[in-house]
Protein backbone atom coordinates (compact mmCIF):
# COMPACT_ATOMS: atom_id res chain seq x y z
CA MET A 1 19.26 -53.58 35.79
CA GLN A 2 19.22 -51.67 39.03
CA TYR A 3 20.08 -48.50 37.10
CA ILE A 4 17.08 -49.03 34.82
CA ILE A 5 14.76 -49.57 37.79
CA ILE A 6 16.01 -46.34 39.39
CA SER A 7 15.62 -44.43 36.19
CA ILE A 8 12.03 -45.46 35.34
CA ILE A 9 10.34 -42.49 37.00
CA PRO A 10 12.63 -39.81 35.57
CA ILE A 11 12.38 -41.44 32.11
CA LEU A 12 8.54 -41.52 32.45
CA MET A 13 8.46 -37.90 33.44
CA GLY A 14 10.73 -36.90 30.60
CA PHE A 15 8.61 -38.85 28.16
CA ILE A 16 5.40 -37.08 29.38
CA VAL A 17 7.04 -33.67 29.01
CA ILE A 18 8.40 -34.45 25.47
CA TYR A 19 5.06 -35.90 24.40
CA GLY A 20 3.16 -32.87 25.77
CA MET A 21 5.51 -30.48 23.95
CA ALA A 22 5.11 -32.52 20.72
CA LYS A 23 1.36 -32.14 20.97
CA GLY A 24 1.64 -28.38 21.51
CA VAL A 25 0.63 -28.49 25.22
CA LYS A 26 2.04 -25.85 27.49
CA VAL A 27 3.48 -28.43 29.91
CA TYR A 28 4.74 -26.07 32.61
CA GLU A 29 1.56 -24.11 32.73
CA CYS A 30 -0.50 -27.25 33.00
CA PHE A 31 1.70 -28.54 35.76
CA VAL A 32 1.26 -25.33 37.78
CA GLU A 33 -2.46 -25.31 37.23
CA GLY A 34 -2.67 -28.95 38.46
CA ALA A 35 -0.61 -28.11 41.48
CA LYS A 36 -2.99 -25.19 42.35
CA GLU A 37 -6.00 -27.62 42.00
CA GLY A 38 -4.22 -30.10 44.16
CA LEU A 39 -3.61 -27.52 46.92
CA THR A 40 -7.24 -26.39 46.73
CA LEU A 41 -8.45 -29.95 47.03
CA CYS A 42 -6.14 -30.45 50.11
CA PHE A 43 -7.56 -27.39 51.78
CA ASN A 44 -11.15 -28.49 51.01
CA ILE A 45 -10.85 -31.97 52.47
CA TYR A 46 -8.65 -31.07 55.50
CA PRO A 47 -11.52 -30.36 57.86
CA TYR A 48 -13.16 -33.66 56.99
CA LEU A 49 -9.93 -35.61 57.45
CA LEU A 50 -9.19 -33.85 60.76
CA ALA A 51 -12.67 -34.68 62.14
CA MET A 52 -12.44 -38.24 61.01
CA LEU A 53 -8.93 -38.74 62.49
CA LEU A 54 -9.96 -37.08 65.75
CA GLY A 55 -13.01 -39.33 66.04
CA VAL A 56 -10.89 -42.41 65.41
CA GLY A 57 -8.34 -41.39 68.06
CA VAL A 58 -11.01 -40.68 70.68
CA PHE A 59 -12.77 -44.03 69.95
CA ARG A 60 -9.56 -45.95 70.38
CA GLU A 61 -8.00 -44.03 73.27
CA SER A 62 -11.17 -43.85 75.40
CA GLY A 63 -11.32 -47.63 75.61
CA ALA A 64 -14.70 -47.70 73.89
CA LEU A 65 -13.25 -50.06 71.24
CA GLY A 66 -12.22 -52.53 73.89
CA TYR A 67 -15.65 -52.48 75.49
CA PHE A 68 -17.28 -53.01 72.16
CA ILE A 69 -15.06 -55.89 71.39
CA GLU A 70 -15.93 -57.61 74.63
CA LEU A 71 -19.61 -57.00 73.93
CA ILE A 72 -19.56 -58.74 70.50
CA LYS A 73 -17.18 -61.53 71.39
CA PRO A 74 -19.89 -64.20 71.52
CA ILE A 75 -21.22 -63.21 68.11
CA VAL A 76 -17.77 -63.37 66.45
CA LYS A 77 -16.95 -66.74 68.02
CA PHE A 78 -20.26 -68.09 66.60
CA ILE A 79 -19.34 -67.04 63.00
CA GLY A 80 -15.73 -68.34 63.43
CA LEU A 81 -13.96 -65.02 63.50
CA PRO A 82 -11.11 -65.18 66.07
CA PRO A 83 -11.74 -62.49 68.81
CA GLU A 84 -8.15 -61.44 68.42
CA VAL A 85 -8.92 -60.14 64.95
CA VAL A 86 -11.95 -58.03 65.99
CA PRO A 87 -9.85 -54.89 66.63
CA LEU A 88 -8.58 -55.17 63.06
CA VAL A 89 -12.08 -55.52 61.72
CA MET A 90 -13.26 -52.47 63.81
CA VAL A 91 -10.32 -50.19 63.04
CA LYS A 92 -9.79 -50.92 59.26
CA PRO A 93 -12.93 -48.99 58.17
CA LEU A 94 -11.67 -46.06 60.15
CA SER A 95 -7.90 -45.92 59.76
CA GLY A 96 -5.58 -47.66 57.38
CA SER A 97 -2.52 -46.89 59.37
CA GLY A 98 -4.13 -47.95 62.61
CA ALA A 99 -5.26 -51.22 60.94
CA GLN A 100 -1.74 -51.83 59.76
CA GLY A 101 -0.40 -51.38 63.31
CA ILE A 102 -3.02 -53.84 64.65
CA TYR A 103 -2.25 -56.27 61.82
CA MET A 104 1.43 -56.23 62.60
CA ASP A 105 0.73 -56.85 66.24
CA ILE A 106 -1.42 -59.83 65.36
CA LEU A 107 1.33 -61.29 63.10
CA ASN A 108 4.03 -60.70 65.76
CA GLN A 109 1.93 -62.31 68.39
CA TYR A 110 0.37 -65.26 66.51
CA GLY A 111 2.41 -65.59 63.31
CA ALA A 112 1.48 -65.41 59.72
CA ASP A 113 1.03 -69.14 59.29
CA THR A 114 -1.63 -69.57 61.99
CA TYR A 115 -5.39 -69.46 61.49
CA ILE A 116 -5.48 -66.07 63.25
CA GLY A 117 -2.77 -64.72 61.07
CA LEU A 118 -4.32 -66.00 57.88
CA VAL A 119 -7.69 -64.47 58.72
CA ALA A 120 -6.08 -61.18 59.56
CA SER A 121 -4.03 -61.27 56.35
CA ILE A 122 -7.16 -61.85 54.19
CA ILE A 123 -9.05 -59.12 55.98
CA ILE A 124 -6.28 -56.53 55.69
CA GLY A 125 -6.12 -57.23 52.00
CA SER A 126 -9.74 -57.42 51.11
CA THR A 127 -11.36 -54.60 53.20
CA GLU A 128 -11.27 -50.84 52.74
CA THR A 129 -10.89 -47.80 54.91
CA ILE A 130 -14.53 -46.86 54.39
CA PHE A 131 -14.85 -43.73 56.43
CA TYR A 132 -11.40 -42.35 55.23
CA THR A 133 -12.38 -43.00 51.58
CA LEU A 134 -15.80 -41.44 51.94
CA THR A 135 -14.35 -38.46 53.80
CA VAL A 136 -11.75 -37.80 51.08
CA TYR A 137 -13.92 -38.36 48.03
CA TYR A 138 -17.16 -36.95 49.16
CA GLY A 139 -15.43 -34.10 51.01
CA ALA A 140 -13.53 -33.21 47.90
CA VAL A 141 -16.70 -32.53 45.96
CA ASN A 142 -18.69 -31.23 48.98
CA ILE A 143 -21.24 -34.10 49.17
CA LYS A 144 -22.73 -34.13 52.64
CA LYS A 145 -25.36 -36.88 52.12
CA ILE A 146 -23.68 -40.15 51.56
CA ARG A 147 -26.94 -42.13 51.50
CA HIS A 148 -26.57 -45.69 50.44
CA THR A 149 -22.84 -45.51 49.77
CA LEU A 150 -21.97 -46.07 53.48
CA TRP A 151 -24.30 -49.03 53.94
CA ALA A 152 -23.00 -50.65 50.73
CA ALA A 153 -19.45 -50.22 51.80
CA ILE A 154 -20.13 -51.64 55.33
CA MET A 155 -21.92 -54.63 53.69
CA ALA A 156 -18.94 -55.17 51.34
CA ASP A 157 -16.58 -55.10 54.33
CA LEU A 158 -18.69 -57.57 56.27
CA THR A 159 -18.84 -59.84 53.18
CA ALA A 160 -15.05 -59.62 53.00
CA VAL A 161 -14.77 -60.65 56.64
CA VAL A 162 -17.15 -63.64 56.21
CA ALA A 163 -15.21 -64.57 53.12
CA ALA A 164 -11.92 -64.33 55.02
CA VAL A 165 -13.14 -66.65 57.67
CA THR A 166 -14.45 -69.14 55.08
CA ILE A 167 -11.32 -69.07 52.98
CA ALA A 168 -9.12 -69.35 56.00
CA ARG A 169 -10.98 -72.39 57.25
CA ILE A 170 -10.70 -74.13 53.79
CA MET A 171 -7.01 -73.25 53.55
CA PHE A 172 -6.14 -74.07 57.15
CA LYS A 173 -7.75 -77.49 57.27
């Protein structure tokens, strides 16, 4: 069984090549053209990604994130969101890898079977890296005005956080 699992990707690639050849497609030329388009796309979105990652790094390292969390602590306690999860809520829209690091810290400190761990788990699974996604997709097609997309994405993330708190309360009690 292990051999079959290891062989799935080469078998799939071989099937695609054989199928393409059977349909009369110049498989190698299509592959090279796709690789060129992929490199062009990478070069087009790189400045947007760099700016976004730099902004996230400055926000976290300057301590502004910590000050912001202290500022909104009374509000999050009112809605039932543990203050320990606020860094996850703040970083997830900006950076998926940063959010994963914060999530792992939460699980290591509080455990996965606690209320805090459950809320964090639901949030990490139900929210999106909004700014990264917008940067990649809109930057790839050179759209500069994101209009309502950003606000809709933020509202979706806030809804996911409220749902996480509600679901965790129901499951934890």
